[in-house]
């Protein structure tokens, strides 16, 4: 089952946030710190300091939605070493993150472009 149907983009806020923040507080972070529109339909992903919880904020054309996941025994492999305050994730990287894989270490085959097959 797919949770989010083809979001236009997935943005990860690298710094931990205070998880007492809800829709209004997270949308302020999106607008002011991430410099993005919270009404874009994109997924905005946040984690707590312990990295055992994530929240995802998104606009679904009729209102804001807030999705929450808490791990009981593990931690999310949060990408801290990548440059920038905000990361743009592919859908594949998003699923890797949810599955507990380290998106900094996971890389697929590089796409190739050829002019001819001779």
C-alpha atoms as a PDB file:
ATOM      1  CA  UNK A   1       0.000   0.000   0.000  1.00  0.00           C
ATOM      2  CA  UNK A   2       1.298   3.441  -0.887  1.00  0.00           C
ATOM      3  CA  UNK A   3       0.952   6.076   1.799  1.00  0.00           C
ATOM      4  CA  UNK A   4       1.565   9.082  -0.397  1.00  0.00           C
ATOM      5  CA  UNK A   5       0.470   9.085  -4.021  1.00  0.00           C
ATOM      6  CA  UNK A   6       3.233  10.522  -6.213  1.00  0.00           C
ATOM      7  CA  UNK A   7       4.264  13.593  -4.237  1.00  0.00           C
ATOM      8  CA  UNK A   8       5.807  16.313  -6.424  1.00  0.00           C
ATOM      9  CA  UNK A   9       8.893  16.373  -4.159  1.00  0.00           C
ATOM     10  CA  UNK A  10      10.182  15.033  -0.852  1.00  0.00           C
ATOM     11  CA  UNK A  11      12.202  17.412   1.311  1.00  0.00           C
ATOM     12  CA  UNK A  12      14.081  16.335   4.406  1.00  0.00           C
ATOM     13  CA  UNK A  13      14.917  18.889   7.107  1.00  0.00           C
ATOM     14  CA  UNK A  14      18.319  17.741   8.373  1.00  0.00           C
ATOM     15  CA  UNK A  15      18.305  19.322  11.829  1.00  0.00           C
ATOM     16  CA  UNK A  16      16.150  17.729  14.543  1.00  0.00           C
ATOM     17  CA  UNK A  17      13.002  19.613  15.523  1.00  0.00           C
ATOM     18  CA  UNK A  18      11.023  19.922  18.735  1.00  0.00           C
ATOM     19  CA  UNK A  19       8.335  17.247  18.374  1.00  0.00           C
ATOM     20  CA  UNK A  20       5.877  19.284  20.378  1.00  0.00           C
ATOM     21  CA  UNK A  21       5.475  21.221  17.123  1.00  0.00           C
ATOM     22  CA  UNK A  22       2.449  20.248  15.101  1.00  0.00           C
ATOM     23  CA  UNK A  23       1.084  21.463  11.767  1.00  0.00           C
ATOM     24  CA  UNK A  24       1.414  25.194  12.418  1.00  0.00           C
ATOM     25  CA  UNK A  25       4.910  25.008  13.896  1.00  0.00           C
ATOM     26  CA  UNK A  26       6.218  22.684  11.182  1.00  0.00           C
ATOM     27  CA  UNK A  27       4.711  24.803   8.398  1.00  0.00           C
ATOM     28  CA  UNK A  28       6.582  27.820   9.823  1.00  0.00           C
ATOM     29  CA  UNK A  29       9.830  25.824   9.569  1.00  0.00           C
ATOM     30  CA  UNK A  30       8.994  24.916   5.955  1.00  0.00           C
ATOM     31  CA  UNK A  31       8.253  28.520   4.991  1.00  0.00           C
ATOM     32  CA  UNK A  32      10.925  30.376   6.988  1.00  0.00           C
ATOM     33  CA  UNK A  33      13.856  27.963   7.405  1.00  0.00           C
ATOM     34  CA  UNK A  34      13.500  25.737   4.365  1.00  0.00           C
ATOM     35  CA  UNK A  35      12.329  28.637   2.150  1.00  0.00           C
ATOM     36  CA  UNK A  36       9.692  26.427   0.493  1.00  0.00           C
ATOM     37  CA  UNK A  37       5.931  26.618   0.096  1.00  0.00           C
ATOM     38  CA  UNK A  38       4.092  24.334   2.486  1.00  0.00           C
ATOM     39  CA  UNK A  39       1.132  24.359   0.032  1.00  0.00           C
ATOM     40  CA  UNK A  40       3.086  22.673  -2.792  1.00  0.00           C
ATOM     41  CA  UNK A  41       1.872  19.137  -2.062  1.00  0.00           C
ATOM     42  CA  UNK A  42       5.451  18.050  -1.353  1.00  0.00           C
ATOM     43  CA  UNK A  43       6.310  15.910   1.649  1.00  0.00           C
ATOM     44  CA  UNK A  44       8.314  17.687   4.350  1.00  0.00           C
ATOM     45  CA  UNK A  45      10.126  15.200   6.600  1.00  0.00           C
ATOM     46  CA  UNK A  46      11.339  15.994  10.127  1.00  0.00           C
ATOM     47  CA  UNK A  47      12.974  13.941  12.894  1.00  0.00           C
ATOM     48  CA  UNK A  48      13.405  14.329  16.629  1.00  0.00           C
ATOM     49  CA  UNK A  49      16.770  14.591  18.398  1.00  0.00           C
ATOM     50  CA  UNK A  50      16.827  10.853  19.286  1.00  0.00           C
ATOM     51  CA  UNK A  51      16.066   9.930  15.637  1.00  0.00           C
ATOM     52  CA  UNK A  52      13.429   7.397  16.693  1.00  0.00           C
ATOM     53  CA  UNK A  53      10.471   9.448  15.420  1.00  0.00           C
ATOM     54  CA  UNK A  54       9.638  11.209  12.183  1.00  0.00           C
ATOM     55  CA  UNK A  55       6.845  13.538  11.180  1.00  0.00           C
ATOM     56  CA  UNK A  56       5.788  14.274   7.621  1.00  0.00           C
ATOM     57  CA  UNK A  57       3.803  17.387   6.780  1.00  0.00           C
ATOM     58  CA  UNK A  58       1.985  17.792   3.472  1.00  0.00           C
ATOM     59  CA  UNK A  59      -0.897  19.687   1.874  1.00  0.00           C
ATOM     60  CA  UNK A  60      -3.512  17.491   0.158  1.00  0.00           C
ATOM     61  CA  UNK A  61      -5.534  20.210  -1.636  1.00  0.00           C
ATOM     62  CA  UNK A  62      -8.119  20.458   1.166  1.00  0.00           C
ATOM     63  CA  UNK A  63      -5.952  20.825   4.255  1.00  0.00           C
ATOM     64  CA  UNK A  64      -2.713  19.916   5.957  1.00  0.00           C
ATOM     65  CA  UNK A  65      -1.932  16.324   6.887  1.00  0.00           C
ATOM     66  CA  UNK A  66       0.569  15.213   9.490  1.00  0.00           C
ATOM     67  CA  UNK A  67       1.953  11.686   9.374  1.00  0.00           C
ATOM     68  CA  UNK A  68       3.913  10.312  12.335  1.00  0.00           C
ATOM     69  CA  UNK A  69       6.069   7.233  12.835  1.00  0.00           C
ATOM     70  CA  UNK A  70       7.722   6.043  16.050  1.00  0.00           C
ATOM     71  CA  UNK A  71      10.304   3.265  16.088  1.00  0.00           C
ATOM     72  CA  UNK A  72      10.185   1.037  19.144  1.00  0.00           C
ATOM     73  CA  UNK A  73      13.748  -0.341  19.159  1.00  0.00           C
ATOM     74  CA  UNK A  74      15.835   1.327  16.464  1.00  0.00           C
ATOM     75  CA  UNK A  75      16.785   4.730  15.055  1.00  0.00           C
ATOM     76  CA  UNK A  76      16.341   6.246  11.624  1.00  0.00           C
ATOM     77  CA  UNK A  77      19.586   6.501   9.632  1.00  0.00           C
ATOM     78  CA  UNK A  78      19.369  10.281   9.357  1.00  0.00           C
ATOM     79  CA  UNK A  79      21.731  11.786   6.734  1.00  0.00           C
ATOM     80  CA  UNK A  80      23.803  14.235   8.782  1.00  0.00           C
ATOM     81  CA  UNK A  81      26.989  14.375   6.699  1.00  0.00           C
ATOM     82  CA  UNK A  82      25.424  15.465   3.405  1.00  0.00           C
ATOM     83  CA  UNK A  83      25.779  19.186   2.699  1.00  0.00           C
ATOM     84  CA  UNK A  84      22.953  21.674   3.052  1.00  0.00           C
ATOM     85  CA  UNK A  85      20.137  22.201   5.539  1.00  0.00           C
ATOM     86  CA  UNK A  86      17.486  20.637   3.301  1.00  0.00           C
ATOM     87  CA  UNK A  87      17.822  17.486   1.214  1.00  0.00           C
ATOM     88  CA  UNK A  88      15.657  16.537  -1.721  1.00  0.00           C
ATOM     89  CA  UNK A  89      14.952  12.822  -1.648  1.00  0.00           C
ATOM     90  CA  UNK A  90      13.870  10.531  -4.434  1.00  0.00           C
ATOM     91  CA  UNK A  91      10.937   8.252  -3.720  1.00  0.00           C
ATOM     92  CA  UNK A  92      13.385   5.358  -3.583  1.00  0.00           C
ATOM     93  CA  UNK A  93      15.529   7.153  -0.948  1.00  0.00           C
ATOM     94  CA  UNK A  94      12.381   7.959   1.038  1.00  0.00           C
ATOM     95  CA  UNK A  95      11.468   4.258   1.158  1.00  0.00           C
ATOM     96  CA  UNK A  96      15.055   3.355   2.085  1.00  0.00           C
ATOM     97  CA  UNK A  97      14.901   5.816   4.987  1.00  0.00           C
ATOM     98  CA  UNK A  98      11.630   4.332   6.235  1.00  0.00           C
ATOM     99  CA  UNK A  99      13.061   0.803   5.947  1.00  0.00           C
ATOM    100  CA  UNK A 100      16.085   1.730   8.074  1.00  0.00           C
ATOM    101  CA  UNK A 101      18.671   1.902   5.310  1.00  0.00           C
ATOM    102  CA  UNK A 102      21.372   4.583   5.196  1.00  0.00           C
ATOM    103  CA  UNK A 103      20.618   6.762   2.162  1.00  0.00           C
ATOM    104  CA  UNK A 104      24.169   8.183   2.254  1.00  0.00           C
ATOM    105  CA  UNK A 105      25.600   4.738   1.518  1.00  0.00           C
ATOM    106  CA  UNK A 106      22.914   3.450  -0.840  1.00  0.00           C
ATOM    107  CA  UNK A 107      23.571   4.241  -4.472  1.00  0.00           C
ATOM    108  CA  UNK A 108      22.162   2.619  -7.555  1.00  0.00           C
ATOM    109  CA  UNK A 109      23.714   2.149 -10.948  1.00  0.00           C
ATOM    110  CA  UNK A 110      24.428   5.397 -12.719  1.00  0.00           C
ATOM    111  CA  UNK A 111      22.231   5.983 -15.780  1.00  0.00           C
ATOM    112  CA  UNK A 112      24.023   5.801 -19.115  1.00  0.00           C
ATOM    113  CA  UNK A 113      23.164   7.587 -22.328  1.00  0.00           C
ATOM    114  CA  UNK A 114      24.302   6.293 -25.705  1.00  0.00           C
ATOM    115  CA  UNK A 115      23.872   7.665 -29.193  1.00  0.00           C
ATOM    116  CA  UNK A 116      24.019   4.314 -30.968  1.00  0.00           C
ATOM    117  CA  UNK A 117      24.273   0.577 -30.242  1.00  0.00           C
ATOM    118  CA  UNK A 118      27.256  -0.387 -32.431  1.00  0.00           C
END
